[in-house]
Amino acid sequence: MFFLVALVYVSATTTLSATGYESQRLEQQRDELRRQNALLEVEVARLDSPTRIVAEAKRLGLVHPAQVTVVSPESLSIKR
């Protein structure tokens, strides 16, 4: 009888310990993912900056068009 109680106790303690380690591992993983997410949000803000976009466009040789032509759907259906 004592052996059975001791076995149940050891089993429960082992399970509880393993669950604790898994919980700690998941908390560390969550914290790392939150850190990575914060870094990505900073990177998105930097890349979305209009100033950066204009500078990159100029670096690539892009210019604003002098005139923009807008084609309406009606004009396309008339030509068919």
PDB file of N, CA and C in Angstrom:
ATOM      1  N   MET A   1       0.822  -1.197   0.000  1.00  0.00           N
ATOM      2  CA  MET A   1       0.000   0.000   0.000  1.00  0.00           C
ATOM      3  C   MET A   1       0.863   1.257   0.000  1.00  0.00           C
ATOM      4  N   PHE A   2       1.916   1.248   0.871  1.00  0.00           N
ATOM      5  CA  PHE A   2       2.804   2.404   0.934  1.00  0.00           C
ATOM      6  C   PHE A   2       3.496   2.641  -0.412  1.00  0.00           C
ATOM      7  N   PHE A   3       3.888   1.548  -1.080  1.00  0.00           N
ATOM      8  CA  PHE A   3       4.545   1.658  -2.375  1.00  0.00           C
ATOM      9  C   PHE A   3       3.635   2.334  -3.394  1.00  0.00           C
ATOM     10  N   LEU A   4       2.364   1.993  -3.412  1.00  0.00           N
ATOM     11  CA  LEU A   4       1.404   2.576  -4.339  1.00  0.00           C
ATOM     12  C   LEU A   4       1.238   4.073  -4.080  1.00  0.00           C
ATOM     13  N   VAL A   5       1.123   4.459  -2.819  1.00  0.00           N
ATOM     14  CA  VAL A   5       0.995   5.878  -2.469  1.00  0.00           C
ATOM     15  C   VAL A   5       2.251   6.635  -2.885  1.00  0.00           C
ATOM     16  N   ALA A   6       3.423   6.056  -2.630  1.00  0.00           N
ATOM     17  CA  ALA A   6       4.684   6.691  -3.007  1.00  0.00           C
ATOM     18  C   ALA A   6       4.786   6.835  -4.524  1.00  0.00           C
ATOM     19  N   LEU A   7       4.342   5.814  -5.245  1.00  0.00           N
ATOM     20  CA  LEU A   7       4.370   5.852  -6.707  1.00  0.00           C
ATOM     21  C   LEU A   7       3.452   6.945  -7.247  1.00  0.00           C
ATOM     22  N   VAL A   8       2.266   7.065  -6.708  1.00  0.00           N
ATOM     23  CA  VAL A   8       1.321   8.114  -7.120  1.00  0.00           C
ATOM     24  C   VAL A   8       1.901   9.488  -6.815  1.00  0.00           C
ATOM     25  N   TYR A   9       2.523   9.624  -5.631  1.00  0.00           N
ATOM     26  CA  TYR A   9       3.121  10.901  -5.242  1.00  0.00           C
ATOM     27  C   TYR A   9       4.255  11.286  -6.196  1.00  0.00           C
ATOM     28  N   VAL A  10       5.139  10.353  -6.502  1.00  0.00           N
ATOM     29  CA  VAL A  10       6.257  10.625  -7.406  1.00  0.00           C
ATOM     30  C   VAL A  10       5.733  10.968  -8.794  1.00  0.00           C
ATOM     31  N   SER A  11       4.729  10.249  -9.242  1.00  0.00           N
ATOM     32  CA  SER A  11       4.150  10.502 -10.556  1.00  0.00           C
ATOM     33  C   SER A  11       3.534  11.906 -10.616  1.00  0.00           C
ATOM     34  N   ALA A  12       2.784  12.264  -9.578  1.00  0.00           N
ATOM     35  CA  ALA A  12       2.150  13.586  -9.536  1.00  0.00           C
ATOM     36  C   ALA A  12       3.205  14.686  -9.467  1.00  0.00           C
ATOM     37  N   THR A  13       4.241  14.471  -8.671  1.00  0.00           N
ATOM     38  CA  THR A  13       5.306  15.466  -8.542  1.00  0.00           C
ATOM     39  C   THR A  13       6.044  15.648  -9.863  1.00  0.00           C
ATOM     40  N   THR A  14       6.313  14.559 -10.540  1.00  0.00           N
ATOM     41  CA  THR A  14       6.997  14.615 -11.834  1.00  0.00           C
ATOM     42  C   THR A  14       6.144  15.347 -12.860  1.00  0.00           C
ATOM     43  N   THR A  15       4.862  15.031 -12.888  1.00  0.00           N
ATOM     44  CA  THR A  15       3.956  15.695 -13.821  1.00  0.00           C
ATOM     45  C   THR A  15       3.878  17.187 -13.529  1.00  0.00           C
ATOM     46  N   LEU A  16       3.772  17.541 -12.274  1.00  0.00           N
ATOM     47  CA  LEU A  16       3.702  18.945 -11.880  1.00  0.00           C
ATOM     48  C   LEU A  16       4.992  19.666 -12.264  1.00  0.00           C
ATOM     49  N   SER A  17       6.119  19.046 -12.046  1.00  0.00           N
ATOM     50  CA  SER A  17       7.406  19.638 -12.392  1.00  0.00           C
ATOM     51  C   SER A  17       7.525  19.833 -13.900  1.00  0.00           C
ATOM     52  N   ALA A  18       7.155  18.830 -14.666  1.00  0.00           N
ATOM     53  CA  ALA A  18       7.215  18.921 -16.128  1.00  0.00           C
ATOM     54  C   ALA A  18       6.294  20.021 -16.637  1.00  0.00           C
ATOM     55  N   THR A  19       5.115  20.117 -16.040  1.00  0.00           N
ATOM     56  CA  THR A  19       4.172  21.171 -16.429  1.00  0.00           C
ATOM     57  C   THR A  19       4.751  22.545 -16.114  1.00  0.00           C
ATOM     58  N   GLY A  20       5.412  22.662 -14.979  1.00  0.00           N
ATOM     59  CA  GLY A  20       6.049  23.928 -14.612  1.00  0.00           C
ATOM     60  C   GLY A  20       7.131  24.323 -15.590  1.00  0.00           C
ATOM     61  N   TYR A  21       7.970  23.363 -15.991  1.00  0.00           N
ATOM     62  CA  TYR A  21       9.020  23.645 -16.971  1.00  0.00           C
ATOM     63  C   TYR A  21       8.419  24.052 -18.321  1.00  0.00           C
ATOM     64  N   GLU A  22       7.378  23.369 -18.723  1.00  0.00           N
ATOM     65  CA  GLU A  22       6.716  23.700 -19.996  1.00  0.00           C
ATOM     66  C   GLU A  22       6.110  25.088 -19.930  1.00  0.00           C
ATOM     67  N   SER A  23       5.486  25.423 -18.809  1.00  0.00           N
ATOM     68  CA  SER A  23       4.909  26.752 -18.629  1.00  0.00           C
ATOM     69  C   SER A  23       5.989  27.825 -18.711  1.00  0.00           C
ATOM     70  N   GLN A  24       7.117  27.575 -18.065  1.00  0.00           N
ATOM     71  CA  GLN A  24       8.223  28.531 -18.088  1.00  0.00           C
ATOM     72  C   GLN A  24       8.778  28.683 -19.509  1.00  0.00           C
ATOM     73  N   ARG A  25       8.899  27.577 -20.239  1.00  0.00           N
ATOM     74  CA  ARG A  25       9.390  27.628 -21.615  1.00  0.00           C
ATOM     75  C   ARG A  25       8.440  28.445 -22.497  1.00  0.00           C
ATOM     76  N   LEU A  26       7.140  28.221 -22.320  1.00  0.00           N
ATOM     77  CA  LEU A  26       6.158  28.957 -23.119  1.00  0.00           C
ATOM     78  C   LEU A  26       6.155  30.444 -22.774  1.00  0.00           C
ATOM     79  N   GLU A  27       6.356  30.782 -21.516  1.00  0.00           N
ATOM     80  CA  GLU A  27       6.432  32.191 -21.124  1.00  0.00           C
ATOM     81  C   GLU A  27       7.654  32.854 -21.761  1.00  0.00           C
ATOM     82  N   GLN A  28       8.781  32.149 -21.782  1.00  0.00           N
ATOM     83  CA  GLN A  28       9.984  32.692 -22.423  1.00  0.00           C
ATOM     84  C   GLN A  28       9.766  32.869 -23.922  1.00  0.00           C
ATOM     85  N   GLN A  29       9.099  31.904 -24.536  1.00  0.00           N
ATOM     86  CA  GLN A  29       8.808  31.995 -25.965  1.00  0.00           C
ATOM     87  C   GLN A  29       7.881  33.174 -26.230  1.00  0.00           C
ATOM     88  N   ARG A  30       6.859  33.356 -25.391  1.00  0.00           N
ATOM     89  CA  ARG A  30       5.944  34.491 -25.534  1.00  0.00           C
ATOM     90  C   ARG A  30       6.702  35.809 -25.420  1.00  0.00           C
ATOM     91  N   ASP A  31       7.577  35.911 -24.426  1.00  0.00           N
ATOM     92  CA  ASP A  31       8.344  37.141 -24.237  1.00  0.00           C
ATOM     93  C   ASP A  31       9.236  37.429 -25.440  1.00  0.00           C
ATOM     94  N   GLU A  32       9.861  36.396 -25.990  1.00  0.00           N
ATOM     95  CA  GLU A  32      10.709  36.573 -27.171  1.00  0.00           C
ATOM     96  C   GLU A  32       9.881  37.014 -28.374  1.00  0.00           C
ATOM     97  N   LEU A  33       8.712  36.430 -28.554  1.00  0.00           N
ATOM     98  CA  LEU A  33       7.843  36.821 -29.667  1.00  0.00           C
ATOM     99  C   LEU A  33       7.347  38.252 -29.507  1.00  0.00           C
ATOM    100  N   ARG A  34       7.062  38.654 -28.281  1.00  0.00           N
ATOM    101  CA  ARG A  34       6.661  40.050 -28.039  1.00  0.00           C
ATOM    102  C   ARG A  34       7.804  41.005 -28.367  1.00  0.00           C
ATOM    103  N   ARG A  35       9.030  40.628 -28.002  1.00  0.00           N
ATOM    104  CA  ARG A  35      10.200  41.460 -28.307  1.00  0.00           C
ATOM    105  C   ARG A  35      10.386  41.579 -29.822  1.00  0.00           C
ATOM    106  N   GLN A  36      10.283  40.441 -30.525  1.00  0.00           N
ATOM    107  CA  GLN A  36      10.415  40.459 -31.980  1.00  0.00           C
ATOM    108  C   GLN A  36       9.311  41.290 -32.620  1.00  0.00           C
ATOM    109  N   ASN A  37       8.098  41.189 -32.093  1.00  0.00           N
ATOM    110  CA  ASN A  37       6.978  41.956 -32.631  1.00  0.00           C
ATOM    111  C   ASN A  37       7.220  43.449 -32.467  1.00  0.00           C
ATOM    112  N   ALA A  38       7.733  43.856 -31.311  1.00  0.00           N
ATOM    113  CA  ALA A  38       8.027  45.277 -31.078  1.00  0.00           C
ATOM    114  C   ALA A  38       9.080  45.771 -32.065  1.00  0.00           C
ATOM    115  N   LEU A  39      10.109  44.955 -32.316  1.00  0.00           N
ATOM    116  CA  LEU A  39      11.137  45.338 -33.291  1.00  0.00           C
ATOM    117  C   LEU A  39      10.550  45.450 -34.696  1.00  0.00           C
ATOM    118  N   LEU A  40       9.659  44.543 -35.041  1.00  0.00           N
ATOM    119  CA  LEU A  40       9.028  44.591 -36.363  1.00  0.00           C
ATOM    120  C   LEU A  40       8.122  45.809 -36.505  1.00  0.00           C
ATOM    121  N   GLU A  41       7.433  46.185 -35.441  1.00  0.00           N
ATOM    122  CA  GLU A  41       6.588  47.383 -35.492  1.00  0.00           C
ATOM    123  C   GLU A  41       7.433  48.632 -35.714  1.00  0.00           C
ATOM    124  N   VAL A  42       8.600  48.700 -35.093  1.00  0.00           N
ATOM    125  CA  VAL A  42       9.510  49.825 -35.308  1.00  0.00           C
ATOM    126  C   VAL A  42       9.993  49.834 -36.756  1.00  0.00           C
ATOM    127  N   GLU A  43      10.324  48.665 -37.277  1.00  0.00           N
ATOM    128  CA  GLU A  43      10.777  48.562 -38.670  1.00  0.00           C
ATOM    129  C   GLU A  43       9.678  48.964 -39.646  1.00  0.00           C
ATOM    130  N   VAL A  44       8.454  48.550 -39.392  1.00  0.00           N
ATOM    131  CA  VAL A  44       7.325  48.935 -40.255  1.00  0.00           C
ATOM    132  C   VAL A  44       7.146  50.451 -40.240  1.00  0.00           C
ATOM    133  N   ALA A  45       7.211  51.054 -39.059  1.00  0.00           N
ATOM    134  CA  ALA A  45       7.064  52.510 -38.954  1.00  0.00           C
ATOM    135  C   ALA A  45       8.178  53.212 -39.739  1.00  0.00           C
ATOM    136  N   ARG A  46       9.393  52.688 -39.644  1.00  0.00           N
ATOM    137  CA  ARG A  46      10.508  53.288 -40.383  1.00  0.00           C
ATOM    138  C   ARG A  46      10.301  53.156 -41.886  1.00  0.00           C
ATOM    139  N   LEU A  47       9.889  51.970 -42.329  1.00  0.00           N
ATOM    140  CA  LEU A  47       9.704  51.749 -43.767  1.00  0.00           C
ATOM    141  C   LEU A  47       8.502  52.494 -44.326  1.00  0.00           C
ATOM    142  N   ASP A  48       7.486  52.732 -43.506  1.00  0.00           N
ATOM    143  CA  ASP A  48       6.292  53.448 -43.955  1.00  0.00           C
ATOM    144  C   ASP A  48       6.473  54.962 -43.956  1.00  0.00           C
ATOM    145  N   SER A  49       7.582  55.449 -43.467  1.00  0.00           N
ATOM    146  CA  SER A  49       7.820  56.878 -43.377  1.00  0.00           C
ATOM    147  C   SER A  49       7.792  57.522 -44.769  1.00  0.00           C
ATOM    148  N   PRO A  50       6.928  58.513 -44.977  1.00  0.00           N
ATOM    149  CA  PRO A  50       6.887  59.185 -46.282  1.00  0.00           C
ATOM    150  C   PRO A  50       8.243  59.777 -46.676  1.00  0.00           C
ATOM    151  N   THR A  51       8.975  60.282 -45.718  1.00  0.00           N
ATOM    152  CA  THR A  51      10.297  60.854 -46.006  1.00  0.00           C
ATOM    153  C   THR A  51      11.224  59.779 -46.569  1.00  0.00           C
ATOM    154  N   ARG A  52      11.211  58.596 -45.959  1.00  0.00           N
ATOM    155  CA  ARG A  52      12.057  57.504 -46.445  1.00  0.00           C
ATOM    156  C   ARG A  52      11.622  57.055 -47.831  1.00  0.00           C
ATOM    157  N   ILE A  53      10.312  57.007 -48.062  1.00  0.00           N
ATOM    158  CA  ILE A  53       9.799  56.558 -49.367  1.00  0.00           C
ATOM    159  C   ILE A  53      10.210  57.536 -50.461  1.00  0.00           C
ATOM    160  N   VAL A  54      10.088  58.839 -50.193  1.00  0.00           N
ATOM    161  CA  VAL A  54      10.493  59.848 -51.181  1.00  0.00           C
ATOM    162  C   VAL A  54      11.989  59.749 -51.448  1.00  0.00           C
ATOM    163  N   ALA A  55      12.788  59.613 -50.408  1.00  0.00           N
ATOM    164  CA  ALA A  55      14.241  59.503 -50.585  1.00  0.00           C
ATOM    165  C   ALA A  55      14.588  58.263 -51.402  1.00  0.00           C
ATOM    166  N   GLU A  56      13.932  57.143 -51.134  1.00  0.00           N
ATOM    167  CA  GLU A  56      14.197  55.907 -51.883  1.00  0.00           C
ATOM    168  C   GLU A  56      13.762  56.058 -53.339  1.00  0.00           C
ATOM    169  N   ALA A  57      12.636  56.707 -53.576  1.00  0.00           N
ATOM    170  CA  ALA A  57      12.172  56.940 -54.948  1.00  0.00           C
ATOM    171  C   ALA A  57      13.181  57.797 -55.712  1.00  0.00           C
ATOM    172  N   LYS A  58      13.688  58.846 -55.071  1.00  0.00           N
ATOM    173  CA  LYS A  58      14.689  59.702 -55.725  1.00  0.00           C
ATOM    174  C   LYS A  58      15.953  58.902 -56.016  1.00  0.00           C
ATOM    175  N   ARG A  59      16.366  58.067 -55.064  1.00  0.00           N
ATOM    176  CA  ARG A  59      17.561  57.244 -55.259  1.00  0.00           C
ATOM    177  C   ARG A  59      17.407  56.320 -56.467  1.00  0.00           C
ATOM    178  N   LEU A  60      16.180  55.850 -56.679  1.00  0.00           N
ATOM    179  CA  LEU A  60      15.906  54.959 -57.810  1.00  0.00           C
ATOM    180  C   LEU A  60      15.684  55.729 -59.116  1.00  0.00           C
ATOM    181  N   GLY A  61      15.683  57.067 -59.039  1.00  0.00           N
ATOM    182  CA  GLY A  61      15.488  57.874 -60.241  1.00  0.00           C
ATOM    183  C   GLY A  61      14.030  58.109 -60.600  1.00  0.00           C
ATOM    184  N   LEU A  62      13.135  57.851 -59.687  1.00  0.00           N
ATOM    185  CA  LEU A  62      11.715  58.072 -59.955  1.00  0.00           C
ATOM    186  C   LEU A  62      11.376  59.547 -59.764  1.00  0.00           C
ATOM    187  N   VAL A  63      10.433  60.035 -60.561  1.00  0.00           N
ATOM    188  CA  VAL A  63      10.002  61.433 -60.466  1.00  0.00           C
ATOM    189  C   VAL A  63       8.482  61.480 -60.467  1.00  0.00           C
ATOM    190  N   HIS A  64       7.940  62.587 -59.958  1.00  0.00           N
ATOM    191  CA  HIS A  64       6.487  62.778 -60.016  1.00  0.00           C
ATOM    192  C   HIS A  64       6.107  63.075 -61.461  1.00  0.00           C
ATOM    193  N   PRO A  65       5.025  62.483 -61.961  1.00  0.00           N
ATOM    194  CA  PRO A  65       4.616  62.751 -63.340  1.00  0.00           C
ATOM    195  C   PRO A  65       4.079  64.178 -63.464  1.00  0.00           C
ATOM    196  N   ALA A  66       4.283  64.782 -64.634  1.00  0.00           N
ATOM    197  CA  ALA A  66       3.769  66.130 -64.878  1.00  0.00           C
ATOM    198  C   ALA A  66       2.253  66.111 -64.994  1.00  0.00           C
ATOM    199  N   GLN A  67       1.722  65.027 -65.519  1.00  0.00           N
ATOM    200  CA  GLN A  67       0.277  64.933 -65.711  1.00  0.00           C
ATOM    201  C   GLN A  67      -0.150  63.484 -65.473  1.00  0.00           C
ATOM    202  N   VAL A  68      -1.309  63.319 -64.847  1.00  0.00           N
ATOM    203  CA  VAL A  68      -1.850  61.992 -64.597  1.00  0.00           C
ATOM    204  C   VAL A  68      -3.123  61.850 -65.414  1.00  0.00           C
ATOM    205  N   THR A  69      -3.167  60.848 -66.254  1.00  0.00           N
ATOM    206  CA  THR A  69      -4.352  60.600 -67.076  1.00  0.00           C
ATOM    207  C   THR A  69      -5.199  59.540 -66.387  1.00  0.00           C
ATOM    208  N   VAL A  70      -6.473  59.861 -66.184  1.00  0.00           N
ATOM    209  CA  VAL A  70      -7.397  58.926 -65.552  1.00  0.00           C
ATOM    210  C   VAL A  70      -8.348  58.421 -66.627  1.00  0.00           C
ATOM    211  N   VAL A  71      -8.445  57.121 -66.743  1.00  0.00           N
ATOM    212  CA  VAL A  71      -9.312  56.503 -67.742  1.00  0.00           C
ATOM    213  C   VAL A  71     -10.537  55.964 -67.025  1.00  0.00           C
ATOM    214  N   SER A  72     -11.709  56.410 -67.446  1.00  0.00           N
ATOM    215  CA  SER A  72     -12.942  55.954 -66.816  1.00  0.00           C
ATOM    216  C   SER A  72     -13.388  54.630 -67.437  1.00  0.00           C
ATOM    217  N   PRO A  73     -14.120  53.821 -66.687  1.00  0.00           N
ATOM    218  CA  PRO A  73     -14.611  52.549 -67.237  1.00  0.00           C
ATOM    219  C   PRO A  73     -15.530  52.750 -68.436  1.00  0.00           C
ATOM    220  N   GLU A  74     -16.268  53.858 -68.442  1.00  0.00           N
ATOM    221  CA  GLU A  74     -17.181  54.114 -69.568  1.00  0.00           C
ATOM    222  C   GLU A  74     -16.419  54.285 -70.874  1.00  0.00           C
ATOM    223  N   SER A  75     -15.301  54.985 -70.839  1.00  0.00           N
ATOM    224  CA  SER A  75     -14.528  55.198 -72.074  1.00  0.00           C
ATOM    225  C   SER A  75     -13.949  53.888 -72.591  1.00  0.00           C
ATOM    226  N   LEU A  76     -13.686  52.960 -71.729  1.00  0.00           N
ATOM    227  CA  LEU A  76     -13.180  51.667 -72.180  1.00  0.00           C
ATOM    228  C   LEU A  76     -14.285  50.849 -72.839  1.00  0.00           C
ATOM    229  N   SER A  77     -15.519  50.915 -72.320  1.00  0.00           N
ATOM    230  CA  SER A  77     -16.605  50.125 -72.889  1.00  0.00           C
ATOM    231  C   SER A  77     -17.053  50.676 -74.246  1.00  0.00           C
ATOM    232  N   ILE A  78     -16.859  51.945 -74.500  1.00  0.00           N
ATOM    233  CA  ILE A  78     -17.234  52.553 -75.782  1.00  0.00           C
ATOM    234  C   ILE A  78     -16.327  52.064 -76.892  1.00  0.00           C
ATOM    235  N   LYS A  79     -15.056  51.836 -76.589  1.00  0.00           N
ATOM    236  CA  LYS A  79     -14.086  51.427 -77.617  1.00  0.00           C
ATOM    237  C   LYS A  79     -14.258  49.981 -78.053  1.00  0.00           C
ATOM    238  N   ARG A  80     -14.984  49.182 -77.332  1.00  0.00           N
ATOM    239  CA  ARG A  80     -15.131  47.759 -77.665  1.00  0.00           C
ATOM    240  C   ARG A  80     -16.088  47.526 -78.765  1.00  0.00           C
TER     241      ARG A  80
END
